[in-house]
Amino acid sequence: MTQSQSLGHGNTTSAEAFWYVLGCIWFGASYFAKIPIRKALEEYGLVTLTGWQNFWYVLMNIFFGSGYLSKVIVKKAMSEIRTPVGQPGMPVA
């Protein structure tokens, strides 16, 4: 049985939004860097990829497996996250 978890609502600062947009303008680098992270989150059941994000993820894997290798790093980091037992919204062990 899987339980969905909530990460809360993250907000970006004005400076972060500016740099993200600037990174997207430069050959879509920021957008493409985000896709393997979203794929890892999708495998944890936290987000859903759009059709275009799935397309670009597959394309990244065709070229040297870069999307997959980036996703593995994020999933490993996520697997090491520990939350205190009994914290609101978290299952009790």
C-alpha atoms as a PDB file:
ATOM      1  CA  MET A   1       0.000   0.000   0.000  1.00  0.00           C
ATOM      2  CA  THR A   2       1.456   3.344  -0.989  1.00  0.00           C
ATOM      3  CA  GLN A   3       0.728   6.599   0.722  1.00  0.00           C
ATOM      4  CA  SER A   4       0.956   9.934  -0.994  1.00  0.00           C
ATOM      5  CA  GLN A   5       3.034  12.532   0.775  1.00  0.00           C
ATOM      6  CA  SER A   6       2.968  16.287   0.601  1.00  0.00           C
ATOM      7  CA  LEU A   7       6.105  18.368   0.391  1.00  0.00           C
ATOM      8  CA  GLY A   8       4.321  21.640   1.041  1.00  0.00           C
ATOM      9  CA  HIS A   9       4.287  24.682  -1.141  1.00  0.00           C
ATOM     10  CA  GLY A  10       7.677  25.904  -2.231  1.00  0.00           C
ATOM     11  CA  ASN A  11       8.089  29.408  -3.484  1.00  0.00           C
ATOM     12  CA  THR A  12      10.917  30.915  -5.435  1.00  0.00           C
ATOM     13  CA  THR A  13      12.333  34.337  -4.764  1.00  0.00           C
ATOM     14  CA  SER A  14      12.300  36.990  -7.459  1.00  0.00           C
ATOM     15  CA  ALA A  15      16.015  36.432  -8.037  1.00  0.00           C
ATOM     16  CA  GLU A  16      15.537  32.658  -8.386  1.00  0.00           C
ATOM     17  CA  ALA A  17      12.713  33.161 -10.881  1.00  0.00           C
ATOM     18  CA  PHE A  18      14.887  35.581 -12.877  1.00  0.00           C
ATOM     19  CA  TRP A  19      17.815  33.148 -13.048  1.00  0.00           C
ATOM     20  CA  TYR A  20      15.529  30.244 -13.949  1.00  0.00           C
ATOM     21  CA  VAL A  21      14.012  32.185 -16.854  1.00  0.00           C
ATOM     22  CA  LEU A  22      17.459  33.303 -17.965  1.00  0.00           C
ATOM     23  CA  GLY A  23      18.623  29.668 -17.811  1.00  0.00           C
ATOM     24  CA  CYS A  24      15.639  28.574 -19.902  1.00  0.00           C
ATOM     25  CA  ILE A  25      16.371  31.223 -22.529  1.00  0.00           C
ATOM     26  CA  TRP A  26      19.932  29.902 -22.851  1.00  0.00           C
ATOM     27  CA  PHE A  27      19.125  26.765 -24.908  1.00  0.00           C
ATOM     28  CA  GLY A  28      16.549  25.623 -22.347  1.00  0.00           C
ATOM     29  CA  ALA A  29      19.304  24.480 -19.969  1.00  0.00           C
ATOM     30  CA  SER A  30      17.325  25.087 -16.780  1.00  0.00           C
ATOM     31  CA  TYR A  31      14.215  23.395 -18.164  1.00  0.00           C
ATOM     32  CA  PHE A  32      16.148  20.339 -19.331  1.00  0.00           C
ATOM     33  CA  ALA A  33      18.062  20.089 -16.040  1.00  0.00           C
ATOM     34  CA  LYS A  34      14.736  19.944 -14.213  1.00  0.00           C
ATOM     35  CA  ILE A  35      13.330  16.985 -16.188  1.00  0.00           C
ATOM     36  CA  PRO A  36      15.392  14.134 -14.592  1.00  0.00           C
ATOM     37  CA  ILE A  37      14.552  15.540 -11.154  1.00  0.00           C
ATOM     38  CA  ARG A  38      10.855  15.538 -12.000  1.00  0.00           C
ATOM     39  CA  LYS A  39      11.212  11.948 -13.292  1.00  0.00           C
ATOM     40  CA  ALA A  40      12.649  10.883  -9.926  1.00  0.00           C
ATOM     41  CA  LEU A  41       9.782  12.661  -8.147  1.00  0.00           C
ATOM     42  CA  GLU A  42       7.318  10.938 -10.479  1.00  0.00           C
ATOM     43  CA  GLU A  43       8.710   7.544  -9.527  1.00  0.00           C
ATOM     44  CA  TYR A  44       8.035   8.441  -5.882  1.00  0.00           C
ATOM     45  CA  GLY A  45       4.458   9.360  -6.851  1.00  0.00           C
ATOM     46  CA  LEU A  46       4.873  13.059  -6.072  1.00  0.00           C
ATOM     47  CA  VAL A  47       4.419  14.625  -9.534  1.00  0.00           C
ATOM     48  CA  THR A  48       3.313  13.680 -13.035  1.00  0.00           C
ATOM     49  CA  LEU A  49       5.376  14.413 -16.124  1.00  0.00           C
ATOM     50  CA  THR A  50       3.740  16.082 -19.098  1.00  0.00           C
ATOM     51  CA  GLY A  51       3.909  14.501 -22.518  1.00  0.00           C
ATOM     52  CA  TRP A  52       6.690  16.872 -23.551  1.00  0.00           C
ATOM     53  CA  GLN A  53       8.684  16.183 -20.402  1.00  0.00           C
ATOM     54  CA  ASN A  54       8.418  12.427 -21.096  1.00  0.00           C
ATOM     55  CA  PHE A  55       9.520  13.052 -24.688  1.00  0.00           C
ATOM     56  CA  TRP A  56      12.593  15.051 -23.632  1.00  0.00           C
ATOM     57  CA  TYR A  57      13.452  12.511 -20.911  1.00  0.00           C
ATOM     58  CA  VAL A  58      13.460   9.677 -23.474  1.00  0.00           C
ATOM     59  CA  LEU A  59      15.548  11.795 -25.831  1.00  0.00           C
ATOM     60  CA  MET A  60      18.055  12.498 -23.024  1.00  0.00           C
ATOM     61  CA  ASN A  61      18.383   8.752 -22.456  1.00  0.00           C
ATOM     62  CA  ILE A  62      19.003   8.056 -26.123  1.00  0.00           C
ATOM     63  CA  PHE A  63      22.022  10.363 -25.996  1.00  0.00           C
ATOM     64  CA  PHE A  64      24.421   8.709 -23.530  1.00  0.00           C
ATOM     65  CA  GLY A  65      21.800   8.012 -20.866  1.00  0.00           C
ATOM     66  CA  SER A  66      22.247  11.466 -19.342  1.00  0.00           C
ATOM     67  CA  GLY A  67      18.627  11.750 -18.199  1.00  0.00           C
ATOM     68  CA  TYR A  68      18.714   8.381 -16.466  1.00  0.00           C
ATOM     69  CA  LEU A  69      22.062   8.977 -14.785  1.00  0.00           C
ATOM     70  CA  SER A  70      20.890  12.368 -13.497  1.00  0.00           C
ATOM     71  CA  LYS A  71      17.677  10.804 -12.179  1.00  0.00           C
ATOM     72  CA  VAL A  72      19.593   8.088 -10.313  1.00  0.00           C
ATOM     73  CA  ILE A  73      21.537  10.714  -8.339  1.00  0.00           C
ATOM     74  CA  VAL A  74      18.337  12.488  -7.299  1.00  0.00           C
ATOM     75  CA  LYS A  75      16.582   9.229  -6.348  1.00  0.00           C
ATOM     76  CA  LYS A  76      19.573   8.193  -4.226  1.00  0.00           C
ATOM     77  CA  ALA A  77      19.481  11.519  -2.390  1.00  0.00           C
ATOM     78  CA  MET A  78      15.723  11.193  -1.871  1.00  0.00           C
ATOM     79  CA  SER A  79      16.077   7.661  -0.542  1.00  0.00           C
ATOM     80  CA  GLU A  80      18.359   8.988   2.200  1.00  0.00           C
ATOM     81  CA  ILE A  81      15.828  11.527   3.479  1.00  0.00           C
ATOM     82  CA  ARG A  82      14.632  10.653   6.960  1.00  0.00           C
ATOM     83  CA  THR A  83      11.776  12.365   8.755  1.00  0.00           C
ATOM     84  CA  PRO A  84      11.068  12.290  12.474  1.00  0.00           C
ATOM     85  CA  VAL A  85       8.481   9.696  13.486  1.00  0.00           C
ATOM     86  CA  GLY A  86       5.092  11.187  14.244  1.00  0.00           C
ATOM     87  CA  GLN A  87       5.660  14.410  12.298  1.00  0.00           C
ATOM     88  CA  PRO A  88       2.326  15.693  10.911  1.00  0.00           C
ATOM     89  CA  GLY A  89       1.574  14.181   7.521  1.00  0.00           C
ATOM     90  CA  MET A  90       4.139  11.413   7.921  1.00  0.00           C
ATOM     91  CA  PRO A  91       3.301   7.782   8.673  1.00  0.00           C
ATOM     92  CA  VAL A  92       4.135   6.501  12.132  1.00  0.00           C
ATOM     93  CA  ALA A  93       6.658   3.636  12.029  1.00  0.00           C
END
